[in-house]
């Protein structure tokens, strides 16, 4: 049910004035005065839909502008890399962190190419030089399968082992890599620190992989409290 225009103005004014005091008012979203009319279709960024000529819209249909982080390029855009940049993003400076990620991929590529050139002919076939494959493998090696949840029972808190879903595993792997980068000296630039952590995780070594194993050991030690999990 649409609200009267006067009521909507009061709600919007209240939400902006109270924002300075840390008050969040859910459900008050401006639905009027959209930038695009309703008949404008959303942008299609799937390159395969263009190649197969299976677009869900007609050529004469007006289209809204795509979001700045969307791209149909299979070379420069990757959904997992974009998620990592979003986790890294602070204060809305996504373009800055995107440049950091690009330099990180470049450093990983340089390190692997240098290793490839120095290796003998027998070992060259086993050296991976694609930074995207290295990034995917590094995230996969850092994903924890189990986590600990605090359950209060009889006035006492218990750390109960619980399985983690795929989004939570991915987020923890990304967060642990960034946390480990923040502990390194400030003299080392972020692309160098991040590329070093990704290469260590790709080789299944480093402090992030050790942190995952320590969490699994703690879950194994607390398995006696597993029956407290009610969800």
C-alpha atoms as a PDB file:
ATOM      1  CA  UNK A   1       0.000   0.000   0.000  1.00  0.00           C
ATOM      2  CA  UNK A   2       1.477   3.332  -1.081  1.00  0.00           C
ATOM      3  CA  UNK A   3       1.941   6.030   1.551  1.00  0.00           C
ATOM      4  CA  UNK A   4       0.811   9.612   0.999  1.00  0.00           C
ATOM      5  CA  UNK A   5       3.488  11.927  -0.312  1.00  0.00           C
ATOM      6  CA  UNK A   6       3.541  13.985   2.893  1.00  0.00           C
ATOM      7  CA  UNK A   7       4.007  10.905   5.059  1.00  0.00           C
ATOM      8  CA  UNK A   8       6.857   9.641   2.912  1.00  0.00           C
ATOM      9  CA  UNK A   9       8.612  12.987   3.244  1.00  0.00           C
ATOM     10  CA  UNK A  10       8.350  12.894   7.038  1.00  0.00           C
ATOM     11  CA  UNK A  11       9.740   9.348   7.152  1.00  0.00           C
ATOM     12  CA  UNK A  12      12.664  10.212   4.898  1.00  0.00           C
ATOM     13  CA  UNK A  13      13.477  13.316   6.903  1.00  0.00           C
ATOM     14  CA  UNK A  14      13.371  11.305  10.129  1.00  0.00           C
ATOM     15  CA  UNK A  15      15.682   8.612   8.795  1.00  0.00           C
ATOM     16  CA  UNK A  16      18.307  11.141   7.679  1.00  0.00           C
ATOM     17  CA  UNK A  17      18.146  13.262  10.830  1.00  0.00           C
ATOM     18  CA  UNK A  18      18.433  10.256  13.149  1.00  0.00           C
ATOM     19  CA  UNK A  19      21.346   8.781  11.170  1.00  0.00           C
ATOM     20  CA  UNK A  20      23.803  10.962  13.100  1.00  0.00           C
ATOM     21  CA  UNK A  21      22.818   9.198  16.314  1.00  0.00           C
ATOM     22  CA  UNK A  22      23.242   5.659  14.972  1.00  0.00           C
ATOM     23  CA  UNK A  23      19.514   4.883  14.733  1.00  0.00           C
ATOM     24  CA  UNK A  24      18.539   2.540  11.909  1.00  0.00           C
ATOM     25  CA  UNK A  25      14.878   2.500  10.848  1.00  0.00           C
ATOM     26  CA  UNK A  26      14.115  -0.639   8.793  1.00  0.00           C
ATOM     27  CA  UNK A  27      11.551  -0.732   6.038  1.00  0.00           C
ATOM     28  CA  UNK A  28      11.732   2.947   5.078  1.00  0.00           C
ATOM     29  CA  UNK A  29      12.937   2.828   1.485  1.00  0.00           C
ATOM     30  CA  UNK A  30      12.238   5.479  -1.097  1.00  0.00           C
ATOM     31  CA  UNK A  31      10.305   3.796  -3.889  1.00  0.00           C
ATOM     32  CA  UNK A  32       9.161   6.918  -5.705  1.00  0.00           C
ATOM     33  CA  UNK A  33      11.205   9.074  -8.055  1.00  0.00           C
ATOM     34  CA  UNK A  34      13.209   6.151  -9.455  1.00  0.00           C
ATOM     35  CA  UNK A  35      15.903   7.037 -11.945  1.00  0.00           C
ATOM     36  CA  UNK A  36      14.354   4.748 -14.560  1.00  0.00           C
ATOM     37  CA  UNK A  37      10.694   4.124 -15.412  1.00  0.00           C
ATOM     38  CA  UNK A  38       9.258   0.684 -14.754  1.00  0.00           C
ATOM     39  CA  UNK A  39       9.289  -0.352 -18.404  1.00  0.00           C
ATOM     40  CA  UNK A  40      13.105  -0.062 -18.544  1.00  0.00           C
ATOM     41  CA  UNK A  41      14.622  -3.570 -18.458  1.00  0.00           C
ATOM     42  CA  UNK A  42      17.652  -4.517 -16.393  1.00  0.00           C
ATOM     43  CA  UNK A  43      20.986  -4.832 -18.165  1.00  0.00           C
ATOM     44  CA  UNK A  44      22.101  -8.295 -19.285  1.00  0.00           C
ATOM     45  CA  UNK A  45      25.812  -8.852 -18.580  1.00  0.00           C
ATOM     46  CA  UNK A  46      25.920 -12.501 -19.643  1.00  0.00           C
ATOM     47  CA  UNK A  47      28.095 -12.674 -22.752  1.00  0.00           C
ATOM     48  CA  UNK A  48      26.767 -16.125 -23.690  1.00  0.00           C
ATOM     49  CA  UNK A  49      23.246 -14.713 -24.019  1.00  0.00           C
ATOM     50  CA  UNK A  50      24.507 -12.288 -26.673  1.00  0.00           C
ATOM     51  CA  UNK A  51      26.501 -14.939 -28.510  1.00  0.00           C
ATOM     52  CA  UNK A  52      23.581 -17.406 -28.589  1.00  0.00           C
ATOM     53  CA  UNK A  53      21.112 -14.633 -29.508  1.00  0.00           C
ATOM     54  CA  UNK A  54      18.905 -15.542 -26.531  1.00  0.00           C
ATOM     55  CA  UNK A  55      18.395 -12.126 -24.989  1.00  0.00           C
ATOM     56  CA  UNK A  56      15.294 -11.877 -22.780  1.00  0.00           C
ATOM     57  CA  UNK A  57      14.576  -8.381 -24.133  1.00  0.00           C
ATOM     58  CA  UNK A  58      13.912  -6.889 -27.533  1.00  0.00           C
ATOM     59  CA  UNK A  59      16.395  -4.599 -29.246  1.00  0.00           C
ATOM     60  CA  UNK A  60      13.932  -1.704 -29.019  1.00  0.00           C
ATOM     61  CA  UNK A  61      13.423  -2.097 -25.257  1.00  0.00           C
ATOM     62  CA  UNK A  62      15.039   0.665 -23.176  1.00  0.00           C
ATOM     63  CA  UNK A  63      17.643  -0.740 -20.783  1.00  0.00           C
ATOM     64  CA  UNK A  64      18.875   0.528 -17.443  1.00  0.00           C
ATOM     65  CA  UNK A  65      22.567   1.186 -16.928  1.00  0.00           C
ATOM     66  CA  UNK A  66      24.479  -1.771 -15.485  1.00  0.00           C
ATOM     67  CA  UNK A  67      26.168  -1.589 -12.102  1.00  0.00           C
ATOM     68  CA  UNK A  68      29.779  -0.483 -12.070  1.00  0.00           C
ATOM     69  CA  UNK A  69      31.025  -3.837 -10.749  1.00  0.00           C
ATOM     70  CA  UNK A  70      29.314  -5.882 -13.474  1.00  0.00           C
ATOM     71  CA  UNK A  71      31.090  -6.897 -16.655  1.00  0.00           C
ATOM     72  CA  UNK A  72      30.613  -9.354 -19.493  1.00  0.00           C
ATOM     73  CA  UNK A  73      34.362  -9.784 -19.943  1.00  0.00           C
ATOM     74  CA  UNK A  74      35.557 -13.315 -19.273  1.00  0.00           C
ATOM     75  CA  UNK A  75      39.145 -12.037 -19.034  1.00  0.00           C
ATOM     76  CA  UNK A  76      38.938  -9.150 -16.556  1.00  0.00           C
ATOM     77  CA  UNK A  77      35.867 -10.089 -14.487  1.00  0.00           C
ATOM     78  CA  UNK A  78      35.467 -12.998 -12.123  1.00  0.00           C
ATOM     79  CA  UNK A  79      32.639 -13.385  -9.562  1.00  0.00           C
ATOM     80  CA  UNK A  80      34.862 -14.861  -6.820  1.00  0.00           C
ATOM     81  CA  UNK A  81      37.499 -12.160  -7.258  1.00  0.00           C
ATOM     82  CA  UNK A  82      34.732  -9.560  -7.109  1.00  0.00           C
ATOM     83  CA  UNK A  83      33.489 -11.057  -3.819  1.00  0.00           C
ATOM     84  CA  UNK A  84      37.016 -10.878  -2.423  1.00  0.00           C
ATOM     85  CA  UNK A  85      37.243  -7.203  -3.392  1.00  0.00           C
ATOM     86  CA  UNK A  86      33.911  -6.581  -1.644  1.00  0.00           C
ATOM     87  CA  UNK A  87      35.250  -8.191   1.544  1.00  0.00           C
ATOM     88  CA  UNK A  88      38.388  -6.056   1.236  1.00  0.00           C
ATOM     89  CA  UNK A  89      36.420  -2.878   0.548  1.00  0.00           C
ATOM     90  CA  UNK A  90      36.486  -0.177   3.231  1.00  0.00           C
ATOM     91  CA  UNK A  91      34.837   3.254   3.273  1.00  0.00           C
ATOM     92  CA  UNK A  92      33.352   2.673  -0.170  1.00  0.00           C
ATOM     93  CA  UNK A  93      36.707   2.890  -1.981  1.00  0.00           C
ATOM     94  CA  UNK A  94      36.103  -0.135  -4.149  1.00  0.00           C
ATOM     95  CA  UNK A  95      38.026   1.214  -7.126  1.00  0.00           C
ATOM     96  CA  UNK A  96      41.157   1.527  -4.976  1.00  0.00           C
ATOM     97  CA  UNK A  97      40.865  -2.048  -3.729  1.00  0.00           C
ATOM     98  CA  UNK A  98      40.171  -3.270  -7.255  1.00  0.00           C
ATOM     99  CA  UNK A  99      43.513  -1.788  -8.313  1.00  0.00           C
ATOM    100  CA  UNK A 100      45.176  -3.527  -5.354  1.00  0.00           C
ATOM    101  CA  UNK A 101      43.659  -6.820  -6.474  1.00  0.00           C
ATOM    102  CA  UNK A 102      44.850  -6.288 -10.051  1.00  0.00           C
ATOM    103  CA  UNK A 103      48.396  -5.646  -8.840  1.00  0.00           C
ATOM    104  CA  UNK A 104      48.168  -8.722  -6.619  1.00  0.00           C
ATOM    105  CA  UNK A 105      47.251 -10.890  -9.594  1.00  0.00           C
ATOM    106  CA  UNK A 106      50.122  -9.349 -11.531  1.00  0.00           C
ATOM    107  CA  UNK A 107      52.574 -10.164  -8.726  1.00  0.00           C
ATOM    108  CA  UNK A 108      51.330 -13.753  -8.554  1.00  0.00           C
ATOM    109  CA  UNK A 109      51.779 -14.071 -12.312  1.00  0.00           C
ATOM    110  CA  UNK A 110      55.323 -12.671 -12.152  1.00  0.00           C
ATOM    111  CA  UNK A 111      56.329 -14.982  -9.307  1.00  0.00           C
ATOM    112  CA  UNK A 112      55.044 -18.067 -11.080  1.00  0.00           C
ATOM    113  CA  UNK A 113      56.582 -17.102 -14.433  1.00  0.00           C
ATOM    114  CA  UNK A 114      59.929 -16.556 -12.714  1.00  0.00           C
ATOM    115  CA  UNK A 115      59.613 -19.937 -11.033  1.00  0.00           C
ATOM    116  CA  UNK A 116      58.636 -21.516 -14.352  1.00  0.00           C
ATOM    117  CA  UNK A 117      61.679 -20.106 -16.160  1.00  0.00           C
ATOM    118  CA  UNK A 118      64.091 -21.298 -13.471  1.00  0.00           C
ATOM    119  CA  UNK A 119      62.622 -24.791 -13.213  1.00  0.00           C
ATOM    120  CA  UNK A 120      63.996 -27.718 -15.248  1.00  0.00           C
ATOM    121  CA  UNK A 121      62.027 -29.013 -18.199  1.00  0.00           C
ATOM    122  CA  UNK A 122      60.660 -31.965 -16.246  1.00  0.00           C
ATOM    123  CA  UNK A 123      59.008 -29.762 -13.586  1.00  0.00           C
ATOM    124  CA  UNK A 124      57.654 -27.008 -15.838  1.00  0.00           C
ATOM    125  CA  UNK A 125      54.446 -28.870 -16.632  1.00  0.00           C
ATOM    126  CA  UNK A 126      53.504 -28.984 -12.921  1.00  0.00           C
ATOM    127  CA  UNK A 127      53.904 -25.229 -12.324  1.00  0.00           C
ATOM    128  CA  UNK A 128      50.655 -23.262 -12.536  1.00  0.00           C
ATOM    129  CA  UNK A 129      50.995 -19.770 -14.034  1.00  0.00           C
ATOM    130  CA  UNK A 130      47.351 -18.701 -14.196  1.00  0.00           C
ATOM    131  CA  UNK A 131      46.729 -16.329 -11.235  1.00  0.00           C
ATOM    132  CA  UNK A 132      42.993 -16.994 -11.305  1.00  0.00           C
ATOM    133  CA  UNK A 133      43.493 -20.752 -10.871  1.00  0.00           C
ATOM    134  CA  UNK A 134      45.937 -20.035  -8.036  1.00  0.00           C
ATOM    135  CA  UNK A 135      43.412 -17.713  -6.382  1.00  0.00           C
ATOM    136  CA  UNK A 136      40.621 -20.307  -6.560  1.00  0.00           C
ATOM    137  CA  UNK A 137      42.877 -23.033  -5.162  1.00  0.00           C
ATOM    138  CA  UNK A 138      44.110 -20.761  -2.367  1.00  0.00           C
ATOM    139  CA  UNK A 139      40.563 -19.934  -1.249  1.00  0.00           C
ATOM    140  CA  UNK A 140      39.623 -23.618  -1.410  1.00  0.00           C
ATOM    141  CA  UNK A 141      42.592 -24.618   0.778  1.00  0.00           C
ATOM    142  CA  UNK A 142      41.649 -22.025   3.420  1.00  0.00           C
ATOM    143  CA  UNK A 143      37.962 -22.959   3.737  1.00  0.00           C
ATOM    144  CA  UNK A 144      37.065 -24.452   7.144  1.00  0.00           C
ATOM    145  CA  UNK A 145      34.515 -27.258   7.145  1.00  0.00           C
ATOM    146  CA  UNK A 146      33.521 -26.870  10.812  1.00  0.00           C
ATOM    147  CA  UNK A 147      33.108 -23.928  13.137  1.00  0.00           C
ATOM    148  CA  UNK A 148      32.265 -23.197  16.763  1.00  0.00           C
ATOM    149  CA  UNK A 149      28.985 -21.695  17.941  1.00  0.00           C
ATOM    150  CA  UNK A 150      28.371 -20.460  21.488  1.00  0.00           C
ATOM    151  CA  UNK A 151      25.392 -22.186  23.150  1.00  0.00           C
ATOM    152  CA  UNK A 152      24.244 -21.233  26.631  1.00  0.00           C
ATOM    153  CA  UNK A 153      23.203 -24.231  28.720  1.00  0.00           C
ATOM    154  CA  UNK A 154      22.489 -24.141  32.443  1.00  0.00           C
ATOM    155  CA  UNK A 155      24.030 -20.691  32.874  1.00  0.00           C
ATOM    156  CA  UNK A 156      27.258 -21.740  31.155  1.00  0.00           C
ATOM    157  CA  UNK A 157      28.472 -21.062  27.622  1.00  0.00           C
ATOM    158  CA  UNK A 158      29.654 -23.998  25.522  1.00  0.00           C
ATOM    159  CA  UNK A 159      31.528 -23.816  22.223  1.00  0.00           C
ATOM    160  CA  UNK A 160      29.606 -26.296  20.129  1.00  0.00           C
ATOM    161  CA  UNK A 161      31.093 -27.615  16.847  1.00  0.00           C
ATOM    162  CA  UNK A 162      28.792 -27.045  13.906  1.00  0.00           C
ATOM    163  CA  UNK A 163      29.116 -27.488  10.132  1.00  0.00           C
ATOM    164  CA  UNK A 164      29.485 -24.345   8.051  1.00  0.00           C
ATOM    165  CA  UNK A 165      27.623 -23.645   4.838  1.00  0.00           C
ATOM    166  CA  UNK A 166      29.472 -22.734   1.639  1.00  0.00           C
ATOM    167  CA  UNK A 167      29.075 -18.913   1.857  1.00  0.00           C
ATOM    168  CA  UNK A 168      30.355 -18.899   5.444  1.00  0.00           C
ATOM    169  CA  UNK A 169      33.334 -21.073   4.512  1.00  0.00           C
ATOM    170  CA  UNK A 170      34.218 -18.745   1.658  1.00  0.00           C
ATOM    171  CA  UNK A 171      33.866 -15.621   3.795  1.00  0.00           C
ATOM    172  CA  UNK A 172      36.048 -16.993   6.604  1.00  0.00           C
ATOM    173  CA  UNK A 173      38.747 -18.015   4.123  1.00  0.00           C
ATOM    174  CA  UNK A 174      38.814 -14.515   2.625  1.00  0.00           C
ATOM    175  CA  UNK A 175      38.696 -12.802   6.010  1.00  0.00           C
ATOM    176  CA  UNK A 176      41.534 -14.899   7.431  1.00  0.00           C
ATOM    177  CA  UNK A 177      43.754 -14.072   4.454  1.00  0.00           C
ATOM    178  CA  UNK A 178      43.112 -10.352   4.928  1.00  0.00           C
ATOM    179  CA  UNK A 179      43.626 -10.614   8.695  1.00  0.00           C
ATOM    180  CA  UNK A 180      47.000 -12.245   8.143  1.00  0.00           C
ATOM    181  CA  UNK A 181      47.988  -9.485   5.708  1.00  0.00           C
ATOM    182  CA  UNK A 182      47.151  -6.852   8.344  1.00  0.00           C
ATOM    183  CA  UNK A 183      49.658  -8.394  10.788  1.00  0.00           C
ATOM    184  CA  UNK A 184      52.608  -7.934   8.420  1.00  0.00           C
ATOM    185  CA  UNK A 185      54.876  -4.837   8.510  1.00  0.00           C
ATOM    186  CA  UNK A 186      53.441  -1.625   7.081  1.00  0.00           C
ATOM    187  CA  UNK A 187      56.572  -1.115   4.977  1.00  0.00           C
ATOM    188  CA  UNK A 188      55.428  -3.959   2.730  1.00  0.00           C
ATOM    189  CA  UNK A 189      52.724  -2.886   0.296  1.00  0.00           C
ATOM    190  CA  UNK A 190      49.371  -4.627   0.288  1.00  0.00           C
ATOM    191  CA  UNK A 191      49.723  -6.295  -3.170  1.00  0.00           C
ATOM    192  CA  UNK A 192      53.001  -7.926  -2.093  1.00  0.00           C
ATOM    193  CA  UNK A 193      51.530  -9.135   1.205  1.00  0.00           C
ATOM    194  CA  UNK A 194      48.380 -10.460  -0.433  1.00  0.00           C
ATOM    195  CA  UNK A 195      50.213 -12.229  -3.249  1.00  0.00           C
ATOM    196  CA  UNK A 196      52.520 -13.909  -0.720  1.00  0.00           C
ATOM    197  CA  UNK A 197      49.556 -15.169   1.318  1.00  0.00           C
ATOM    198  CA  UNK A 198      47.766 -16.454  -1.782  1.00  0.00           C
ATOM    199  CA  UNK A 199      50.832 -18.378  -2.937  1.00  0.00           C
ATOM    200  CA  UNK A 200      51.300 -19.889   0.534  1.00  0.00           C
ATOM    201  CA  UNK A 201      47.646 -20.917   0.640  1.00  0.00           C
ATOM    202  CA  UNK A 202      47.892 -22.333  -2.884  1.00  0.00           C
ATOM    203  CA  UNK A 203      50.758 -24.560  -1.722  1.00  0.00           C
ATOM    204  CA  UNK A 204      48.663 -25.545   1.335  1.00  0.00           C
ATOM    205  CA  UNK A 205      51.123 -23.851   3.690  1.00  0.00           C
ATOM    206  CA  UNK A 206      51.181 -20.648   5.714  1.00  0.00           C
ATOM    207  CA  UNK A 207      49.459 -19.294   8.805  1.00  0.00           C
ATOM    208  CA  UNK A 208      45.982 -19.173   7.264  1.00  0.00           C
ATOM    209  CA  UNK A 209      45.989 -22.904   6.531  1.00  0.00           C
ATOM    210  CA  UNK A 210      47.358 -23.511  10.040  1.00  0.00           C
ATOM    211  CA  UNK A 211      44.497 -21.435  11.450  1.00  0.00           C
ATOM    212  CA  UNK A 212      42.013 -23.645   9.622  1.00  0.00           C
ATOM    213  CA  UNK A 213      43.628 -26.797  11.018  1.00  0.00           C
ATOM    214  CA  UNK A 214      43.642 -25.321  14.539  1.00  0.00           C
ATOM    215  CA  UNK A 215      39.917 -24.623  14.272  1.00  0.00           C
ATOM    216  CA  UNK A 216      39.270 -28.200  13.158  1.00  0.00           C
ATOM    217  CA  UNK A 217      41.328 -29.501  16.107  1.00  0.00           C
ATOM    218  CA  UNK A 218      39.320 -27.341  18.488  1.00  0.00           C
ATOM    219  CA  UNK A 219      36.086 -28.671  17.002  1.00  0.00           C
ATOM    220  CA  UNK A 220      37.398 -32.199  17.485  1.00  0.00           C
ATOM    221  CA  UNK A 221      38.262 -31.427  21.109  1.00  0.00           C
ATOM    222  CA  UNK A 222      34.741 -30.053  21.747  1.00  0.00           C
ATOM    223  CA  UNK A 223      32.874 -32.889  20.073  1.00  0.00           C
ATOM    224  CA  UNK A 224      31.444 -33.900  23.475  1.00  0.00           C
ATOM    225  CA  UNK A 225      29.237 -30.787  23.261  1.00  0.00           C
ATOM    226  CA  UNK A 226      27.900 -31.629  19.804  1.00  0.00           C
ATOM    227  CA  UNK A 227      24.553 -32.794  21.237  1.00  0.00           C
ATOM    228  CA  UNK A 228      23.892 -29.216  22.430  1.00  0.00           C
ATOM    229  CA  UNK A 229      23.369 -28.149  18.810  1.00  0.00           C
ATOM    230  CA  UNK A 230      19.606 -27.789  18.355  1.00  0.00           C
ATOM    231  CA  UNK A 231      19.510 -26.144  14.890  1.00  0.00           C
END
